[in-house]
Amino acid sequence: MRVNPHAEAQAKMRNIPIEDIVAIAQERLAKARLNPQNTEVAILVGYTDDGWQGASNGNVVWAIIRFGQLVTTMFRREDQPSTPQALRVREVIA
């Protein structure tokens, strides 16, 4: 999976190893039998209580993948919607 510079910078800023995000995302994509080359998908990769911390009030860590490229990593609060519309993707793997 390709990782764009923005995603790498966001992970670094949040003290999350990009390798962890990519590994979890690939595992979840395989389990869901989704081809990341053909879709835009948000993947729940973890929670801040997994040891990841960042400058955010969100406690849920999401990876956004667009057509085979990890484009960003973001924190969202648990009470925020995790629908495709809210995350601006076609698919959500939670």
PDB file of N, CA and C in Angstrom:
ATOM      1  N   MET A   1       0.846  -1.178   0.000  1.00  0.00           N
ATOM      2  CA  MET A   1       0.000   0.000   0.000  1.00  0.00           C
ATOM      3  C   MET A   1       0.888   1.236   0.000  1.00  0.00           C
ATOM      4  N   ARG A   2       0.557   2.162  -0.869  1.00  0.00           N
ATOM      5  CA  ARG A   2       1.303   3.421  -0.904  1.00  0.00           C
ATOM      6  C   ARG A   2       0.845   4.302   0.262  1.00  0.00           C
ATOM      7  N   VAL A   3       1.764   5.089   0.767  1.00  0.00           N
ATOM      8  CA  VAL A   3       1.466   6.022   1.853  1.00  0.00           C
ATOM      9  C   VAL A   3       1.853   7.408   1.373  1.00  0.00           C
ATOM     10  N   ASN A   4       0.895   8.339   1.368  1.00  0.00           N
ATOM     11  CA  ASN A   4       1.259   9.674   0.908  1.00  0.00           C
ATOM     12  C   ASN A   4       1.886  10.473   2.044  1.00  0.00           C
ATOM     13  N   PRO A   5       2.624  11.507   1.727  1.00  0.00           N
ATOM     14  CA  PRO A   5       3.345  12.278   2.753  1.00  0.00           C
ATOM     15  C   PRO A   5       2.434  12.862   3.839  1.00  0.00           C
ATOM     16  N   HIS A   6       1.219  13.245   3.472  1.00  0.00           N
ATOM     17  CA  HIS A   6       0.291  13.782   4.473  1.00  0.00           C
ATOM     18  C   HIS A   6      -0.037  12.733   5.527  1.00  0.00           C
ATOM     19  N   ALA A   7      -0.330  11.512   5.091  1.00  0.00           N
ATOM     20  CA  ALA A   7      -0.654  10.438   6.031  1.00  0.00           C
ATOM     21  C   ALA A   7       0.520  10.159   6.955  1.00  0.00           C
ATOM     22  N   GLU A   8       1.704  10.146   6.391  1.00  0.00           N
ATOM     23  CA  GLU A   8       2.904   9.908   7.184  1.00  0.00           C
ATOM     24  C   GLU A   8       3.102  11.018   8.222  1.00  0.00           C
ATOM     25  N   ALA A   9       2.904  12.258   7.810  1.00  0.00           N
ATOM     26  CA  ALA A   9       3.056  13.386   8.726  1.00  0.00           C
ATOM     27  C   ALA A   9       2.007  13.350   9.833  1.00  0.00           C
ATOM     28  N   GLN A  10       0.764  12.997   9.485  1.00  0.00           N
ATOM     29  CA  GLN A  10      -0.299  12.934  10.481  1.00  0.00           C
ATOM     30  C   GLN A  10      -0.024  11.837  11.509  1.00  0.00           C
ATOM     31  N   ALA A  11       0.437  10.693  11.053  1.00  0.00           N
ATOM     32  CA  ALA A  11       0.764   9.602  11.978  1.00  0.00           C
ATOM     33  C   ALA A  11       1.906  10.009  12.900  1.00  0.00           C
ATOM     34  N   LYS A  12       2.927  10.620  12.331  1.00  0.00           N
ATOM     35  CA  LYS A  12       4.077  11.046  13.130  1.00  0.00           C
ATOM     36  C   LYS A  12       3.658  12.077  14.179  1.00  0.00           C
ATOM     37  N   MET A  13       2.819  13.030  13.775  1.00  0.00           N
ATOM     38  CA  MET A  13       2.353  14.058  14.692  1.00  0.00           C
ATOM     39  C   MET A  13       1.562  13.449  15.853  1.00  0.00           C
ATOM     40  N   ARG A  14       0.925  12.316  15.597  1.00  0.00           N
ATOM     41  CA  ARG A  14       0.103  11.663  16.610  1.00  0.00           C
ATOM     42  C   ARG A  14       0.829  10.507  17.301  1.00  0.00           C
ATOM     43  N   ASN A  15       2.119  10.400  17.041  1.00  0.00           N
ATOM     44  CA  ASN A  15       2.950   9.369  17.683  1.00  0.00           C
ATOM     45  C   ASN A  15       2.476   7.947  17.397  1.00  0.00           C
ATOM     46  N   ILE A  16       2.013   7.723  16.169  1.00  0.00           N
ATOM     47  CA  ILE A  16       1.585   6.388  15.752  1.00  0.00           C
ATOM     48  C   ILE A  16       2.535   5.911  14.660  1.00  0.00           C
ATOM     49  N   PRO A  17       3.185   4.775  14.857  1.00  0.00           N
ATOM     50  CA  PRO A  17       4.058   4.264  13.790  1.00  0.00           C
ATOM     51  C   PRO A  17       3.242   3.970  12.521  1.00  0.00           C
ATOM     52  N   ILE A  18       3.625   4.552  11.416  1.00  0.00           N
ATOM     53  CA  ILE A  18       2.896   4.373  10.162  1.00  0.00           C
ATOM     54  C   ILE A  18       2.849   2.896   9.768  1.00  0.00           C
ATOM     55  N   GLU A  19       3.880   2.151  10.135  1.00  0.00           N
ATOM     56  CA  GLU A  19       3.908   0.719   9.825  1.00  0.00           C
ATOM     57  C   GLU A  19       2.759  -0.010  10.514  1.00  0.00           C
ATOM     58  N   ASP A  20       2.416   0.409  11.743  1.00  0.00           N
ATOM     59  CA  ASP A  20       1.295  -0.201  12.469  1.00  0.00           C
ATOM     60  C   ASP A  20      -0.021   0.068  11.748  1.00  0.00           C
ATOM     61  N   ILE A  21      -0.200   1.300  11.306  1.00  0.00           N
ATOM     62  CA  ILE A  21      -1.432   1.665  10.610  1.00  0.00           C
ATOM     63  C   ILE A  21      -1.573   0.868   9.318  1.00  0.00           C
ATOM     64  N   VAL A  22      -0.507   0.791   8.549  1.00  0.00           N
ATOM     65  CA  VAL A  22      -0.541   0.060   7.276  1.00  0.00           C
ATOM     66  C   VAL A  22      -0.827  -1.419   7.519  1.00  0.00           C
ATOM     67  N   ALA A  23      -0.178  -2.016   8.503  1.00  0.00           N
ATOM     68  CA  ALA A  23      -0.381  -3.442   8.784  1.00  0.00           C
ATOM     69  C   ALA A  23      -1.828  -3.728   9.184  1.00  0.00           C
ATOM     70  N   ILE A  24      -2.370  -2.910  10.067  1.00  0.00           N
ATOM     71  CA  ILE A  24      -3.755  -3.103  10.505  1.00  0.00           C
ATOM     72  C   ILE A  24      -4.718  -2.885   9.341  1.00  0.00           C
ATOM     73  N   ALA A  25      -4.483  -1.845   8.567  1.00  0.00           N
ATOM     74  CA  ALA A  25      -5.354  -1.552   7.428  1.00  0.00           C
ATOM     75  C   ALA A  25      -5.338  -2.706   6.424  1.00  0.00           C
ATOM     76  N   GLN A  26      -4.169  -3.223   6.111  1.00  0.00           N
ATOM     77  CA  GLN A  26      -4.078  -4.325   5.154  1.00  0.00           C
ATOM     78  C   GLN A  26      -4.775  -5.575   5.682  1.00  0.00           C
ATOM     79  N   GLU A  27      -4.625  -5.837   6.962  1.00  0.00           N
ATOM     80  CA  GLU A  27      -5.282  -6.994   7.575  1.00  0.00           C
ATOM     81  C   GLU A  27      -6.808  -6.859   7.494  1.00  0.00           C
ATOM     82  N   ARG A  28      -7.304  -5.683   7.824  1.00  0.00           N
ATOM     83  CA  ARG A  28      -8.760  -5.470   7.803  1.00  0.00           C
ATOM     84  C   ARG A  28      -9.312  -5.482   6.378  1.00  0.00           C
ATOM     85  N   LEU A  29      -8.562  -4.955   5.432  1.00  0.00           N
ATOM     86  CA  LEU A  29      -8.989  -4.997   4.033  1.00  0.00           C
ATOM     87  C   LEU A  29      -9.080  -6.436   3.536  1.00  0.00           C
ATOM     88  N   ALA A  30      -8.085  -7.242   3.874  1.00  0.00           N
ATOM     89  CA  ALA A  30      -8.083  -8.640   3.449  1.00  0.00           C
ATOM     90  C   ALA A  30      -9.264  -9.390   4.061  1.00  0.00           C
ATOM     91  N   LYS A  31      -9.492  -9.154   5.333  1.00  0.00           N
ATOM     92  CA  LYS A  31     -10.601  -9.824   6.017  1.00  0.00           C
ATOM     93  C   LYS A  31     -11.947  -9.427   5.399  1.00  0.00           C
ATOM     94  N   ALA A  32     -12.088  -8.171   4.998  1.00  0.00           N
ATOM     95  CA  ALA A  32     -13.326  -7.690   4.383  1.00  0.00           C
ATOM     96  C   ALA A  32     -13.390  -8.025   2.893  1.00  0.00           C
ATOM     97  N   ARG A  33     -12.292  -8.567   2.357  1.00  0.00           N
ATOM     98  CA  ARG A  33     -12.191  -8.913   0.934  1.00  0.00           C
ATOM     99  C   ARG A  33     -12.457  -7.719   0.028  1.00  0.00           C
ATOM    100  N   LEU A  34     -11.885  -6.594   0.431  1.00  0.00           N
ATOM    101  CA  LEU A  34     -11.994  -5.382  -0.378  1.00  0.00           C
ATOM    102  C   LEU A  34     -10.680  -5.130  -1.101  1.00  0.00           C
ATOM    103  N   ASN A  35     -10.781  -4.745  -2.339  1.00  0.00           N
ATOM    104  CA  ASN A  35      -9.603  -4.351  -3.096  1.00  0.00           C
ATOM    105  C   ASN A  35      -9.437  -2.846  -2.932  1.00  0.00           C
ATOM    106  N   PRO A  36      -8.426  -2.398  -2.195  1.00  0.00           N
ATOM    107  CA  PRO A  36      -8.268  -0.971  -1.948  1.00  0.00           C
ATOM    108  C   PRO A  36      -7.983  -0.166  -3.211  1.00  0.00           C
ATOM    109  N   GLN A  37      -7.574  -0.826  -4.278  1.00  0.00           N
ATOM    110  CA  GLN A  37      -7.297  -0.120  -5.531  1.00  0.00           C
ATOM    111  C   GLN A  37      -8.578   0.411  -6.175  1.00  0.00           C
ATOM    112  N   ASN A  38      -9.712  -0.193  -5.814  1.00  0.00           N
ATOM    113  CA  ASN A  38     -10.969   0.123  -6.482  1.00  0.00           C
ATOM    114  C   ASN A  38     -11.955   0.916  -5.634  1.00  0.00           C
ATOM    115  N   THR A  39     -11.563   1.361  -4.466  1.00  0.00           N
ATOM    116  CA  THR A  39     -12.535   2.027  -3.609  1.00  0.00           C
ATOM    117  C   THR A  39     -11.886   3.061  -2.697  1.00  0.00           C
ATOM    118  N   GLU A  40     -12.736   3.773  -2.001  1.00  0.00           N
ATOM    119  CA  GLU A  40     -12.325   4.709  -0.960  1.00  0.00           C
ATOM    120  C   GLU A  40     -12.894   4.156   0.340  1.00  0.00           C
ATOM    121  N   VAL A  41     -12.036   3.918   1.303  1.00  0.00           N
ATOM    122  CA  VAL A  41     -12.466   3.218   2.507  1.00  0.00           C
ATOM    123  C   VAL A  41     -11.876   3.865   3.758  1.00  0.00           C
ATOM    124  N   ALA A  42     -12.682   3.902   4.821  1.00  0.00           N
ATOM    125  CA  ALA A  42     -12.216   4.326   6.141  1.00  0.00           C
ATOM    126  C   ALA A  42     -12.105   3.065   6.996  1.00  0.00           C
ATOM    127  N   ILE A  43     -10.976   2.926   7.672  1.00  0.00           N
ATOM    128  CA  ILE A  43     -10.741   1.741   8.488  1.00  0.00           C
ATOM    129  C   ILE A  43     -10.445   2.162   9.914  1.00  0.00           C
ATOM    130  N   LEU A  44     -11.218   1.639  10.855  1.00  0.00           N
ATOM    131  CA  LEU A  44     -10.935   1.875  12.261  1.00  0.00           C
ATOM    132  C   LEU A  44      -9.697   1.048  12.605  1.00  0.00           C
ATOM    133  N   VAL A  45      -8.628   1.725  12.983  1.00  0.00           N
ATOM    134  CA  VAL A  45      -7.379   1.008  13.260  1.00  0.00           C
ATOM    135  C   VAL A  45      -7.066   0.894  14.747  1.00  0.00           C
ATOM    136  N   GLY A  46      -7.766   1.634  15.593  1.00  0.00           N
ATOM    137  CA  GLY A  46      -7.511   1.506  17.022  1.00  0.00           C
ATOM    138  C   GLY A  46      -8.101   2.642  17.830  1.00  0.00           C
ATOM    139  N   TYR A  47      -7.745   2.623  19.095  1.00  0.00           N
ATOM    140  CA  TYR A  47      -8.225   3.614  20.058  1.00  0.00           C
ATOM    141  C   TYR A  47      -7.032   4.209  20.793  1.00  0.00           C
ATOM    142  N   THR A  48      -7.217   5.373  21.351  1.00  0.00           N
ATOM    143  CA  THR A  48      -6.105   6.010  22.057  1.00  0.00           C
ATOM    144  C   THR A  48      -5.667   5.190  23.257  1.00  0.00           C
ATOM    145  N   ASP A  49      -6.556   4.380  23.831  1.00  0.00           N
ATOM    146  CA  ASP A  49      -6.133   3.553  24.959  1.00  0.00           C
ATOM    147  C   ASP A  49      -5.261   2.372  24.520  1.00  0.00           C
ATOM    148  N   ASP A  50      -5.028   2.248  23.200  1.00  0.00           N
ATOM    149  CA  ASP A  50      -4.063   1.269  22.682  1.00  0.00           C
ATOM    150  C   ASP A  50      -2.634   1.794  22.829  1.00  0.00           C
ATOM    151  N   GLY A  51      -2.490   2.994  23.420  1.00  0.00           N
ATOM    152  CA  GLY A  51      -1.168   3.575  23.609  1.00  0.00           C
ATOM    153  C   GLY A  51      -0.855   4.686  22.643  1.00  0.00           C
ATOM    154  N   TRP A  52      -1.782   4.954  21.727  1.00  0.00           N
ATOM    155  CA  TRP A  52      -1.572   6.028  20.767  1.00  0.00           C
ATOM    156  C   TRP A  52      -2.163   7.306  21.329  1.00  0.00           C
ATOM    157  N   GLN A  53      -1.418   8.362  21.250  1.00  0.00           N
ATOM    158  CA  GLN A  53      -1.891   9.640  21.757  1.00  0.00           C
ATOM    159  C   GLN A  53      -1.570  10.705  20.739  1.00  0.00           C
ATOM    160  N   GLY A  54      -2.360  11.729  20.741  1.00  0.00           N
ATOM    161  CA  GLY A  54      -2.103  12.807  19.800  1.00  0.00           C
ATOM    162  C   GLY A  54      -2.736  14.090  20.273  1.00  0.00           C
ATOM    163  N   ALA A  55      -2.537  15.122  19.532  1.00  0.00           N
ATOM    164  CA  ALA A  55      -3.085  16.431  19.868  1.00  0.00           C
ATOM    165  C   ALA A  55      -4.526  16.499  19.356  1.00  0.00           C
ATOM    166  N   SER A  56      -5.392  15.701  19.952  1.00  0.00           N
ATOM    167  CA  SER A  56      -6.779  15.644  19.528  1.00  0.00           C
ATOM    168  C   SER A  56      -7.632  15.218  20.705  1.00  0.00           C
ATOM    169  N   ASN A  57      -8.899  15.590  20.679  1.00  0.00           N
ATOM    170  CA  ASN A  57      -9.798  15.104  21.715  1.00  0.00           C
ATOM    171  C   ASN A  57     -10.501  13.826  21.281  1.00  0.00           C
ATOM    172  N   GLY A  58     -10.180  13.344  20.082  1.00  0.00           N
ATOM    173  CA  GLY A  58     -10.757  12.097  19.605  1.00  0.00           C
ATOM    174  C   GLY A  58     -10.048  10.899  20.191  1.00  0.00           C
ATOM    175  N   ASN A  59     -10.794   9.818  20.375  1.00  0.00           N
ATOM    176  CA  ASN A  59     -10.204   8.610  20.934  1.00  0.00           C
ATOM    177  C   ASN A  59     -10.226   7.423  19.973  1.00  0.00           C
ATOM    178  N   VAL A  60     -10.756   7.633  18.763  1.00  0.00           N
ATOM    179  CA  VAL A  60     -10.816   6.576  17.756  1.00  0.00           C
ATOM    180  C   VAL A  60      -9.869   6.953  16.617  1.00  0.00           C
ATOM    181  N   VAL A  61      -9.001   6.021  16.243  1.00  0.00           N
ATOM    182  CA  VAL A  61      -8.013   6.268  15.192  1.00  0.00           C
ATOM    183  C   VAL A  61      -8.505   5.631  13.895  1.00  0.00           C
ATOM    184  N   TRP A  62      -8.619   6.452  12.854  1.00  0.00           N
ATOM    185  CA  TRP A  62      -9.090   6.013  11.541  1.00  0.00           C
ATOM    186  C   TRP A  62      -7.998   6.187  10.499  1.00  0.00           C
ATOM    187  N   ALA A  63      -7.953   5.267   9.551  1.00  0.00           N
ATOM    188  CA  ALA A  63      -7.104   5.390   8.363  1.00  0.00           C
ATOM    189  C   ALA A  63      -8.034   5.578   7.178  1.00  0.00           C
ATOM    190  N   ILE A  64      -7.724   6.536   6.328  1.00  0.00           N
ATOM    191  CA  ILE A  64      -8.501   6.769   5.118  1.00  0.00           C
ATOM    192  C   ILE A  64      -7.655   6.342   3.923  1.00  0.00           C
ATOM    193  N   ILE A  65      -8.199   5.418   3.147  1.00  0.00           N
ATOM    194  CA  ILE A  65      -7.492   4.889   1.982  1.00  0.00           C
ATOM    195  C   ILE A  65      -8.322   5.203   0.749  1.00  0.00           C
ATOM    196  N   ARG A  66      -7.679   5.820  -0.215  1.00  0.00           N
ATOM    197  CA  ARG A  66      -8.347   6.153  -1.476  1.00  0.00           C
ATOM    198  C   ARG A  66      -7.567   5.515  -2.626  1.00  0.00           C
ATOM    199  N   PHE A  67      -8.214   4.569  -3.270  1.00  0.00           N
ATOM    200  CA  PHE A  67      -7.656   3.911  -4.457  1.00  0.00           C
ATOM    201  C   PHE A  67      -6.226   3.420  -4.237  1.00  0.00           C
ATOM    202  N   GLY A  68      -6.039   2.665  -3.152  1.00  0.00           N
ATOM    203  CA  GLY A  68      -4.770   2.013  -2.883  1.00  0.00           C
ATOM    204  C   GLY A  68      -3.738   2.846  -2.165  1.00  0.00           C
ATOM    205  N   GLN A  69      -4.098   4.054  -1.775  1.00  0.00           N
ATOM    206  CA  GLN A  69      -3.131   4.927  -1.096  1.00  0.00           C
ATOM    207  C   GLN A  69      -3.691   5.368   0.254  1.00  0.00           C
ATOM    208  N   LEU A  70      -2.888   5.196   1.295  1.00  0.00           N
ATOM    209  CA  LEU A  70      -3.234   5.720   2.616  1.00  0.00           C
ATOM    210  C   LEU A  70      -3.048   7.232   2.541  1.00  0.00           C
ATOM    211  N   VAL A  71      -4.157   7.972   2.622  1.00  0.00           N
ATOM    212  CA  VAL A  71      -4.068   9.417   2.434  1.00  0.00           C
ATOM    213  C   VAL A  71      -4.049  10.192   3.740  1.00  0.00           C
ATOM    214  N   THR A  72      -4.633   9.638   4.804  1.00  0.00           N
ATOM    215  CA  THR A  72      -4.566  10.330   6.092  1.00  0.00           C
ATOM    216  C   THR A  72      -4.887   9.386   7.231  1.00  0.00           C
ATOM    217  N   THR A  73      -4.472   9.799   8.397  1.00  0.00           N
ATOM    218  CA  THR A  73      -4.804   9.150   9.652  1.00  0.00           C
ATOM    219  C   THR A  73      -5.431  10.221  10.521  1.00  0.00           C
ATOM    220  N   MET A  74      -6.547   9.889  11.127  1.00  0.00           N
ATOM    221  CA  MET A  74      -7.194  10.916  11.942  1.00  0.00           C
ATOM    222  C   MET A  74      -7.797  10.336  13.206  1.00  0.00           C
ATOM    223  N   PHE A  75      -7.940  11.204  14.187  1.00  0.00           N
ATOM    224  CA  PHE A  75      -8.611  10.866  15.429  1.00  0.00           C
ATOM    225  C   PHE A  75     -10.020  11.449  15.349  1.00  0.00           C
ATOM    226  N   ARG A  76     -10.996  10.669  15.778  1.00  0.00           N
ATOM    227  CA  ARG A  76     -12.377  11.163  15.897  1.00  0.00           C
ATOM    228  C   ARG A  76     -12.924  10.699  17.229  1.00  0.00           C
ATOM    229  N   ARG A  77     -13.880  11.435  17.736  1.00  0.00           N
ATOM    230  CA  ARG A  77     -14.515  11.032  18.988  1.00  0.00           C
ATOM    231  C   ARG A  77     -15.432   9.840  18.729  1.00  0.00           C
ATOM    232  N   GLU A  78     -15.607   9.019  19.745  1.00  0.00           N
ATOM    233  CA  GLU A  78     -16.471   7.845  19.625  1.00  0.00           C
ATOM    234  C   GLU A  78     -17.917   8.218  19.318  1.00  0.00           C
ATOM    235  N   ASP A  79     -18.347   9.386  19.772  1.00  0.00           N
ATOM    236  CA  ASP A  79     -19.745   9.778  19.561  1.00  0.00           C
ATOM    237  C   ASP A  79     -19.984  10.416  18.192  1.00  0.00           C
ATOM    238  N   GLN A  80     -18.946  10.588  17.392  1.00  0.00           N
ATOM    239  CA  GLN A  80     -19.119  11.108  16.039  1.00  0.00           C
ATOM    240  C   GLN A  80     -19.554   9.973  15.117  1.00  0.00           C
ATOM    241  N   PRO A  81     -20.391  10.275  14.141  1.00  0.00           N
ATOM    242  CA  PRO A  81     -20.837   9.214  13.241  1.00  0.00           C
ATOM    243  C   PRO A  81     -19.674   8.613  12.449  1.00  0.00           C
ATOM    244  N   SER A  82     -19.795   7.322  12.193  1.00  0.00           N
ATOM    245  CA  SER A  82     -18.760   6.635  11.409  1.00  0.00           C
ATOM    246  C   SER A  82     -19.372   6.054  10.136  1.00  0.00           C
ATOM    247  N   THR A  83     -20.239   6.820   9.527  1.00  0.00           N
ATOM    248  CA  THR A  83     -20.882   6.404   8.275  1.00  0.00           C
ATOM    249  C   THR A  83     -19.994   6.782   7.096  1.00  0.00           C
ATOM    250  N   PRO A  84     -20.226   6.155   5.957  1.00  0.00           N
ATOM    251  CA  PRO A  84     -19.466   6.562   4.765  1.00  0.00           C
ATOM    252  C   PRO A  84     -19.622   8.052   4.461  1.00  0.00           C
ATOM    253  N   GLN A  85     -20.820   8.575   4.656  1.00  0.00           N
ATOM    254  CA  GLN A  85     -21.045   9.993   4.388  1.00  0.00           C
ATOM    255  C   GLN A  85     -20.225  10.870   5.341  1.00  0.00           C
ATOM    256  N   ALA A  86     -20.222  10.527   6.617  1.00  0.00           N
ATOM    257  CA  ALA A  86     -19.494  11.326   7.607  1.00  0.00           C
ATOM    258  C   ALA A  86     -17.985  11.282   7.364  1.00  0.00           C
ATOM    259  N   LEU A  87     -17.488  10.133   6.915  1.00  0.00           N
ATOM    260  CA  LEU A  87     -16.054   9.959   6.696  1.00  0.00           C
ATOM    261  C   LEU A  87     -15.654  10.230   5.241  1.00  0.00           C
ATOM    262  N   ARG A  88     -16.637  10.542   4.410  1.00  0.00           N
ATOM    263  CA  ARG A  88     -16.426  10.894   2.997  1.00  0.00           C
ATOM    264  C   ARG A  88     -15.708   9.803   2.202  1.00  0.00           C
ATOM    265  N   VAL A  89     -16.222   8.585   2.371  1.00  0.00           N
ATOM    266  CA  VAL A  89     -15.695   7.416   1.666  1.00  0.00           C
ATOM    267  C   VAL A  89     -16.864   6.571   1.153  1.00  0.00           C
ATOM    268  N   ARG A  90     -16.544   5.519   0.432  1.00  0.00           N
ATOM    269  CA  ARG A  90     -17.587   4.604  -0.054  1.00  0.00           C
ATOM    270  C   ARG A  90     -17.855   3.460   0.913  1.00  0.00           C
ATOM    271  N   GLU A  91     -16.826   3.042   1.628  1.00  0.00           N
ATOM    272  CA  GLU A  91     -16.926   1.893   2.539  1.00  0.00           C
ATOM    273  C   GLU A  91     -16.330   2.253   3.890  1.00  0.00           C
ATOM    274  N   VAL A  92     -16.850   1.613   4.947  1.00  0.00           N
ATOM    275  CA  VAL A  92     -16.295   1.774   6.298  1.00  0.00           C
ATOM    276  C   VAL A  92     -16.061   0.385   6.865  1.00  0.00           C
ATOM    277  N   ILE A  93     -14.877   0.173   7.405  1.00  0.00           N
ATOM    278  CA  ILE A  93     -14.561  -1.069   8.102  1.00  0.00           C
ATOM    279  C   ILE A  93     -14.289  -0.685   9.558  1.00  0.00           C
ATOM    280  N   ALA A  94     -15.211  -1.064  10.420  1.00  0.00           N
ATOM    281  CA  ALA A  94     -15.082  -0.712  11.835  1.00  0.00           C
ATOM    282  C   ALA A  94     -14.810  -1.942  12.682  1.00  0.00           C
TER     283      ALA A  94
END
